[in-house]
Protein backbone atom coordinates (compact mmCIF):
# COMPACT_ATOMS: atom_id res chain seq x y z
CA UNK A 1 10.96 -32.28 -5.19
CA UNK A 2 9.99 -31.47 -1.39
CA UNK A 3 9.47 -33.59 1.04
CA UNK A 4 6.03 -35.38 2.77
CA UNK A 5 4.13 -33.78 5.55
CA UNK A 6 4.11 -36.25 8.40
CA UNK A 7 0.68 -36.13 10.65
CA UNK A 8 2.25 -34.25 13.42
CA UNK A 9 3.78 -31.02 10.81
CA UNK A 10 0.39 -30.56 8.72
CA UNK A 11 -2.16 -28.82 10.73
CA UNK A 12 1.00 -26.15 11.05
CA UNK A 13 1.89 -26.47 6.93
CA UNK A 14 -1.97 -26.24 7.01
CA UNK A 15 -1.88 -22.60 9.58
CA UNK A 16 1.35 -21.14 7.64
CA UNK A 17 -0.47 -21.41 4.11
CA UNK A 18 -4.31 -20.44 5.73
CA UNK A 19 -2.52 -17.39 7.53
CA UNK A 20 0.32 -16.01 5.73
CA UNK A 21 0.89 -17.68 1.73
CA UNK A 22 -2.83 -17.73 0.74
CA UNK A 23 -2.87 -14.31 1.61
CA UNK A 24 0.54 -12.74 0.60
CA UNK A 25 2.09 -15.10 -1.65
CA UNK A 26 -0.05 -17.23 -3.79
CA UNK A 27 -1.92 -14.69 -6.22
CA UNK A 28 1.75 -14.22 -7.60
CA UNK A 29 3.15 -17.31 -7.42
CA UNK A 30 0.74 -20.11 -7.38
CA UNK A 31 0.82 -19.50 -11.03
CA UNK A 32 4.21 -19.26 -11.22
CA UNK A 33 5.48 -15.80 -11.31
CA UNK A 34 9.06 -15.27 -10.48
CA UNK A 35 9.65 -18.92 -10.90
CA UNK A 36 8.47 -20.80 -8.12
CA UNK A 37 5.32 -22.67 -8.71
CA UNK A 38 3.52 -22.83 -5.17
CA UNK A 39 0.00 -24.29 -6.54
CA UNK A 40 -2.97 -23.47 -4.54
CA UNK A 41 -2.78 -25.73 -1.42
CA UNK A 42 -0.81 -26.23 1.57
CA UNK A 43 0.16 -29.96 0.14
CA UNK A 44 1.61 -27.88 -3.12
CA UNK A 45 2.68 -25.08 -1.22
CA UNK A 46 4.90 -27.88 1.11
CA UNK A 47 6.04 -29.70 -2.20
CA UNK A 48 7.19 -26.84 -3.95
CA UNK A 49 9.22 -24.98 -0.93
CA UNK A 50 10.35 -27.61 1.66
CA UNK A 51 13.88 -29.37 1.07
CA UNK A 52 13.76 -27.80 -2.56
CA UNK A 53 16.82 -25.67 -3.62
CA UNK A 54 15.80 -22.05 -4.96
CA UNK A 55 17.58 -19.96 -7.89
CA UNK A 56 19.16 -17.64 -5.08
CA UNK A 57 22.55 -19.04 -4.52
CA UNK A 58 21.59 -22.85 -4.40
CA UNK A 59 19.55 -21.80 -1.12
CA UNK A 60 16.99 -24.17 -0.05
CA UNK A 61 13.53 -22.54 0.79
CA UNK A 62 12.70 -24.12 3.79
CA UNK A 63 15.05 -25.99 5.54
CA UNK A 64 12.76 -28.12 8.19
CA UNK A 65 13.45 -26.91 11.82
CA UNK A 66 16.14 -24.07 10.75
CA UNK A 67 14.40 -20.64 10.77
CA UNK A 68 17.77 -19.19 9.78
CA UNK A 69 18.40 -21.37 6.97
CA UNK A 70 15.12 -21.12 5.36
């Protein structure tokens, strides 16, 4: 399961969700196509990807503070 969003991080998570994820990803992954269920809010997106292993070579979707590893 993903990690909690602290108050300082929440605005960034919302911005990424609003500007990128909701526009490009949610139409498919909101409901879980491709095996990734993001949901339809910045909170559900965060829980689904931050610190969570993907099915691709056991890689983590989003590693906090490490864009190269994400």
